[in-house]
Structures are given as structure tokens and as C-alpha cells.
Amino acid sequence: MSARTPDRIRSGHVMSTQAMFGPALRLEREARLDAWEDRAPRVTGMAFTLATPPAGTPALAFGARLEGGQQSVDQRVKTAHWLELYEDRGGHVEYRDAGPEA
């Protein structure tokens, strides 16, 4: 059940930031939910710099390689696609409010 259709989800407000790491990416692959494997770039490392105000002088910097990588796909794109995929695979989605009054 979803209160919003896939098209409304895609055109809606950002739902969350999305950074998926190795274990979660493997789960998506195993469930055949990884529609972005070839389209979203794999992030293999991250770097952070903390700066002091007001001049922004770097106070601390560090970075690391990511084992298994990381990939980011907008949560709106994923959710909309998964609803459509669920129906393509034979499921049925009811598009209506799911609150206590429903």
C-alpha cells in the first residue's frame, strides 16, 4: 500500500539521503533490486575536512577507501521503481492513504 503513485514519488520532495554500502548493495543485488548497478557511479573512497569559522581554515582532514564501495541513488527514484517492479513481478499495490481512518 502506498499513499503516492510512483510518478508522485518521483516528482515529490527529497525523502532522504541515500548512501548504500557493500552489504546493503549485495542484498539489493541478491533480490534483483539493483536497477542502478550500471548507471550510478561506484564511490570507492571518501574524504572529509572540518574547518573553523569564519575563515574556513582546515582544522582536521581525513579520508578512507571503502571496502566494497558505496553507491547513491535518489530514494524517490528507488521507491518509485520498486513499486513498479513489484507490480511487474505479479504483486498488487493499492494507492491510497494507510492512516488509522483508512
N, C-alpha and C. Protein backbone atom coordinates (compact mmCIF):
# COMPACT_ATOMS: atom_id res chain seq x y z
N MET A 1 0.84 -1.15 0.00
CA MET A 1 0.00 0.00 0.00
C MET A 1 0.90 1.23 0.00
N SER A 2 0.51 2.21 -0.80
CA SER A 2 1.26 3.46 -0.86
C SER A 2 0.28 4.60 -1.05
N ALA A 3 0.48 5.68 -0.31
CA ALA A 3 -0.37 6.85 -0.46
C ALA A 3 -0.03 7.62 -1.73
N ARG A 4 1.14 7.35 -2.31
CA ARG A 4 1.57 8.07 -3.52
C ARG A 4 1.92 7.10 -4.63
N THR A 5 1.56 7.46 -5.84
CA THR A 5 1.92 6.65 -7.00
C THR A 5 3.40 6.83 -7.31
N PRO A 6 3.98 5.94 -8.10
CA PRO A 6 5.39 6.12 -8.48
C PRO A 6 5.68 7.49 -9.10
N ASP A 7 4.79 7.99 -9.96
CA ASP A 7 5.03 9.31 -10.56
C ASP A 7 5.00 10.43 -9.52
N ARG A 8 4.10 10.34 -8.54
CA ARG A 8 4.06 11.36 -7.48
C ARG A 8 5.30 11.28 -6.60
N ILE A 9 5.79 10.07 -6.36
CA ILE A 9 7.01 9.91 -5.56
C ILE A 9 8.19 10.53 -6.29
N ARG A 10 8.33 10.22 -7.59
CA ARG A 10 9.46 10.76 -8.37
C ARG A 10 9.46 12.28 -8.39
N SER A 11 8.29 12.90 -8.45
CA SER A 11 8.22 14.36 -8.56
C SER A 11 8.09 15.05 -7.20
N GLY A 12 8.11 14.27 -6.12
CA GLY A 12 7.95 14.84 -4.78
C GLY A 12 9.24 15.38 -4.19
N HIS A 13 9.13 15.76 -2.93
CA HIS A 13 10.28 16.29 -2.19
C HIS A 13 11.27 15.17 -1.89
N VAL A 14 12.53 15.55 -1.70
CA VAL A 14 13.57 14.60 -1.33
C VAL A 14 13.16 13.91 -0.04
N MET A 15 13.25 12.57 -0.03
CA MET A 15 12.83 11.79 1.14
C MET A 15 13.96 11.56 2.12
N SER A 16 15.18 11.39 1.61
CA SER A 16 16.33 11.15 2.47
C SER A 16 17.59 11.17 1.61
N THR A 17 18.71 11.20 2.27
CA THR A 17 19.94 11.00 1.53
C THR A 17 20.11 9.50 1.38
N GLN A 18 20.80 9.08 0.37
CA GLN A 18 20.91 7.66 0.10
C GLN A 18 22.35 7.29 -0.18
N ALA A 19 22.97 6.63 0.74
CA ALA A 19 24.30 6.08 0.53
C ALA A 19 24.25 4.63 0.94
N MET A 20 24.40 3.76 -0.04
CA MET A 20 24.35 2.32 0.21
C MET A 20 25.77 1.78 0.16
N PHE A 21 26.14 0.98 1.15
CA PHE A 21 27.47 0.41 1.22
C PHE A 21 27.43 -1.07 0.88
N GLY A 22 28.60 -1.71 0.80
CA GLY A 22 28.76 -3.08 0.34
C GLY A 22 27.70 -4.07 0.76
N PRO A 23 27.46 -4.27 2.06
CA PRO A 23 26.48 -5.28 2.48
C PRO A 23 25.07 -5.00 1.94
N ALA A 24 24.62 -3.77 2.00
CA ALA A 24 23.29 -3.42 1.51
C ALA A 24 23.21 -3.56 -0.01
N LEU A 25 24.28 -3.18 -0.70
CA LEU A 25 24.31 -3.34 -2.16
C LEU A 25 24.22 -4.81 -2.55
N ARG A 26 24.90 -5.67 -1.79
CA ARG A 26 24.82 -7.11 -2.06
C ARG A 26 23.39 -7.63 -1.87
N LEU A 27 22.71 -7.17 -0.82
CA LEU A 27 21.32 -7.59 -0.59
C LEU A 27 20.42 -7.16 -1.76
N GLU A 28 20.60 -5.93 -2.24
CA GLU A 28 19.82 -5.46 -3.38
C GLU A 28 20.09 -6.33 -4.60
N ARG A 29 21.36 -6.66 -4.83
CA ARG A 29 21.72 -7.50 -5.98
C ARG A 29 21.06 -8.88 -5.86
N GLU A 30 21.16 -9.50 -4.69
CA GLU A 30 20.60 -10.83 -4.48
C GLU A 30 19.09 -10.85 -4.68
N ALA A 31 18.40 -9.77 -4.34
CA ALA A 31 16.95 -9.68 -4.51
C ALA A 31 16.56 -9.15 -5.90
N ARG A 32 17.55 -8.93 -6.75
CA ARG A 32 17.35 -8.38 -8.10
C ARG A 32 16.65 -7.01 -8.04
N LEU A 33 17.09 -6.18 -7.10
CA LEU A 33 16.56 -4.83 -6.94
C LEU A 33 17.58 -3.77 -7.33
N ASP A 34 18.70 -4.16 -7.89
CA ASP A 34 19.82 -3.25 -8.17
C ASP A 34 19.76 -2.69 -9.59
N ALA A 35 18.70 -1.98 -9.90
CA ALA A 35 18.49 -1.44 -11.26
C ALA A 35 19.50 -0.36 -11.64
N TRP A 36 20.35 0.06 -10.71
CA TRP A 36 21.25 1.19 -10.96
C TRP A 36 22.70 0.76 -11.02
N GLU A 37 22.97 -0.51 -10.95
CA GLU A 37 24.33 -1.04 -10.90
C GLU A 37 25.21 -0.47 -12.02
N ASP A 38 24.67 -0.38 -13.22
CA ASP A 38 25.44 0.10 -14.36
C ASP A 38 25.29 1.60 -14.62
N ARG A 39 24.40 2.27 -13.87
CA ARG A 39 24.13 3.69 -14.15
C ARG A 39 24.63 4.64 -13.08
N ALA A 40 24.64 4.22 -11.83
CA ALA A 40 25.10 5.09 -10.75
C ALA A 40 26.57 4.77 -10.48
N PRO A 41 27.41 5.77 -10.43
CA PRO A 41 28.85 5.50 -10.23
C PRO A 41 29.11 4.91 -8.85
N ARG A 42 30.12 4.07 -8.77
CA ARG A 42 30.54 3.47 -7.51
C ARG A 42 31.55 4.41 -6.86
N VAL A 43 31.33 4.72 -5.62
CA VAL A 43 32.25 5.56 -4.85
C VAL A 43 33.21 4.62 -4.12
N THR A 44 34.49 4.82 -4.30
CA THR A 44 35.47 3.90 -3.71
C THR A 44 36.21 4.49 -2.52
N GLY A 45 35.98 5.75 -2.22
CA GLY A 45 36.64 6.38 -1.08
C GLY A 45 35.93 7.66 -0.69
N MET A 46 36.21 8.14 0.50
CA MET A 46 35.62 9.38 1.00
C MET A 46 36.69 10.19 1.71
N ALA A 47 36.53 11.49 1.65
CA ALA A 47 37.43 12.39 2.36
C ALA A 47 36.60 13.48 3.03
N PHE A 48 37.01 13.87 4.21
CA PHE A 48 36.29 14.88 4.98
C PHE A 48 37.28 15.93 5.47
N THR A 49 36.83 17.17 5.45
CA THR A 49 37.63 18.27 6.01
C THR A 49 36.72 19.08 6.92
N LEU A 50 37.14 19.27 8.15
CA LEU A 50 36.42 20.12 9.10
C LEU A 50 37.18 21.43 9.18
N ALA A 51 36.44 22.54 9.08
CA ALA A 51 37.07 23.86 9.07
C ALA A 51 36.53 24.72 10.20
N THR A 52 37.35 25.66 10.64
CA THR A 52 36.94 26.58 11.69
C THR A 52 36.36 27.85 11.07
N PRO A 53 35.28 28.35 11.63
CA PRO A 53 34.72 29.61 11.12
C PRO A 53 35.53 30.78 11.65
N PRO A 54 35.47 31.95 11.15
CA PRO A 54 34.72 32.31 9.94
C PRO A 54 35.55 32.13 8.67
N ALA A 55 36.86 31.99 8.79
CA ALA A 55 37.72 31.95 7.60
C ALA A 55 37.69 30.60 6.90
N GLY A 56 37.23 29.57 7.59
CA GLY A 56 37.19 28.25 6.97
C GLY A 56 38.55 27.58 6.92
N THR A 57 39.41 27.90 7.90
CA THR A 57 40.73 27.28 7.95
C THR A 57 40.59 25.81 8.30
N PRO A 58 41.14 24.90 7.48
CA PRO A 58 41.03 23.47 7.79
C PRO A 58 41.62 23.15 9.16
N ALA A 59 40.82 22.47 9.98
CA ALA A 59 41.25 22.09 11.32
C ALA A 59 41.54 20.59 11.42
N LEU A 60 40.86 19.81 10.61
CA LEU A 60 41.02 18.36 10.64
C LEU A 60 40.62 17.81 9.28
N ALA A 61 41.41 16.91 8.77
CA ALA A 61 41.08 16.28 7.48
C ALA A 61 41.44 14.81 7.55
N PHE A 62 40.60 13.98 6.97
CA PHE A 62 40.88 12.54 6.91
C PHE A 62 40.12 11.93 5.75
N GLY A 63 40.56 10.78 5.33
CA GLY A 63 39.91 10.07 4.24
C GLY A 63 40.12 8.58 4.38
N ALA A 64 39.36 7.82 3.61
CA ALA A 64 39.49 6.37 3.67
C ALA A 64 38.97 5.74 2.39
N ARG A 65 39.51 4.58 2.05
CA ARG A 65 38.99 3.76 0.96
C ARG A 65 37.80 2.99 1.52
N LEU A 66 36.82 2.72 0.69
CA LEU A 66 35.63 1.99 1.11
C LEU A 66 35.68 0.56 0.59
N GLU A 67 35.71 -0.38 1.49
CA GLU A 67 35.69 -1.79 1.09
C GLU A 67 34.33 -2.11 0.49
N GLY A 68 34.34 -2.58 -0.73
CA GLY A 68 33.08 -2.89 -1.40
C GLY A 68 32.42 -1.69 -2.05
N GLY A 69 32.94 -0.53 -1.83
CA GLY A 69 32.40 0.67 -2.45
C GLY A 69 31.10 1.14 -1.85
N GLN A 70 30.60 2.21 -2.42
CA GLN A 70 29.36 2.84 -1.99
C GLN A 70 28.68 3.35 -3.24
N GLN A 71 27.36 3.42 -3.23
CA GLN A 71 26.61 3.91 -4.37
C GLN A 71 25.43 4.72 -3.86
N SER A 72 25.12 5.82 -4.53
CA SER A 72 24.00 6.65 -4.11
C SER A 72 23.00 6.79 -5.25
N VAL A 73 21.74 6.53 -4.94
CA VAL A 73 20.64 6.72 -5.87
C VAL A 73 19.53 7.41 -5.09
N ASP A 74 18.96 8.45 -5.66
CA ASP A 74 17.88 9.20 -5.02
C ASP A 74 16.78 8.24 -4.55
N GLN A 75 16.39 8.36 -3.30
CA GLN A 75 15.40 7.47 -2.71
C GLN A 75 14.06 7.53 -3.45
N ARG A 76 13.72 8.69 -4.03
CA ARG A 76 12.48 8.79 -4.79
C ARG A 76 12.52 7.89 -6.01
N VAL A 77 13.67 7.84 -6.68
CA VAL A 77 13.84 7.01 -7.88
C VAL A 77 13.73 5.53 -7.50
N LYS A 78 14.41 5.15 -6.42
CA LYS A 78 14.37 3.74 -5.98
C LYS A 78 12.96 3.32 -5.59
N THR A 79 12.31 4.09 -4.74
CA THR A 79 10.99 3.72 -4.24
C THR A 79 9.98 3.60 -5.39
N ALA A 80 9.97 4.57 -6.28
CA ALA A 80 9.05 4.53 -7.42
C ALA A 80 9.32 3.30 -8.28
N HIS A 81 10.60 3.04 -8.56
CA HIS A 81 10.96 1.88 -9.39
C HIS A 81 10.55 0.58 -8.71
N TRP A 82 10.78 0.47 -7.41
CA TRP A 82 10.46 -0.77 -6.71
C TRP A 82 8.96 -1.03 -6.68
N LEU A 83 8.14 0.02 -6.55
CA LEU A 83 6.69 -0.17 -6.61
C LEU A 83 6.29 -0.72 -7.98
N GLU A 84 6.85 -0.14 -9.04
CA GLU A 84 6.56 -0.62 -10.39
C GLU A 84 7.07 -2.04 -10.60
N LEU A 85 8.25 -2.33 -10.10
CA LEU A 85 8.84 -3.66 -10.23
C LEU A 85 8.00 -4.70 -9.50
N TYR A 86 7.51 -4.34 -8.33
CA TYR A 86 6.66 -5.25 -7.56
C TYR A 86 5.43 -5.65 -8.38
N GLU A 87 4.81 -4.66 -9.03
CA GLU A 87 3.65 -4.97 -9.87
C GLU A 87 4.05 -5.75 -11.11
N ASP A 88 5.19 -5.41 -11.71
CA ASP A 88 5.68 -6.16 -12.88
C ASP A 88 5.93 -7.63 -12.54
N ARG A 89 6.29 -7.88 -11.29
CA ARG A 89 6.58 -9.26 -10.84
C ARG A 89 5.33 -9.97 -10.33
N GLY A 90 4.17 -9.34 -10.52
CA GLY A 90 2.91 -10.01 -10.16
C GLY A 90 2.23 -9.52 -8.90
N GLY A 91 2.83 -8.58 -8.20
CA GLY A 91 2.22 -8.04 -6.99
C GLY A 91 1.16 -7.00 -7.31
N HIS A 92 0.43 -6.60 -6.30
CA HIS A 92 -0.60 -5.55 -6.47
C HIS A 92 -0.36 -4.49 -5.40
N VAL A 93 -0.32 -3.24 -5.81
CA VAL A 93 -0.16 -2.12 -4.88
C VAL A 93 -1.45 -1.33 -4.86
N GLU A 94 -1.98 -1.08 -3.67
CA GLU A 94 -3.14 -0.20 -3.52
C GLU A 94 -2.62 1.20 -3.25
N TYR A 95 -3.05 2.16 -4.06
CA TYR A 95 -2.61 3.55 -3.90
C TYR A 95 -3.72 4.31 -3.19
N ARG A 96 -3.54 4.44 -1.87
CA ARG A 96 -4.48 5.19 -1.03
C ARG A 96 -3.83 5.44 0.31
N ASP A 97 -4.43 6.33 1.09
CA ASP A 97 -3.90 6.60 2.43
C ASP A 97 -3.98 5.34 3.28
N ALA A 98 -2.99 5.18 4.15
CA ALA A 98 -2.94 4.00 5.00
C ALA A 98 -3.02 4.38 6.48
N GLY A 99 -3.59 5.54 6.77
CA GLY A 99 -3.69 6.00 8.15
C GLY A 99 -4.76 5.24 8.92
N PRO A 100 -4.93 5.56 10.19
CA PRO A 100 -5.89 4.83 11.04
C PRO A 100 -7.34 4.96 10.56
N GLU A 101 -7.65 6.06 9.84
CA GLU A 101 -9.01 6.26 9.34
C GLU A 101 -9.27 5.45 8.08
N ALA A 102 -8.21 4.98 7.41
CA ALA A 102 -8.36 4.33 6.09
C ALA A 102 -8.95 2.95 6.17
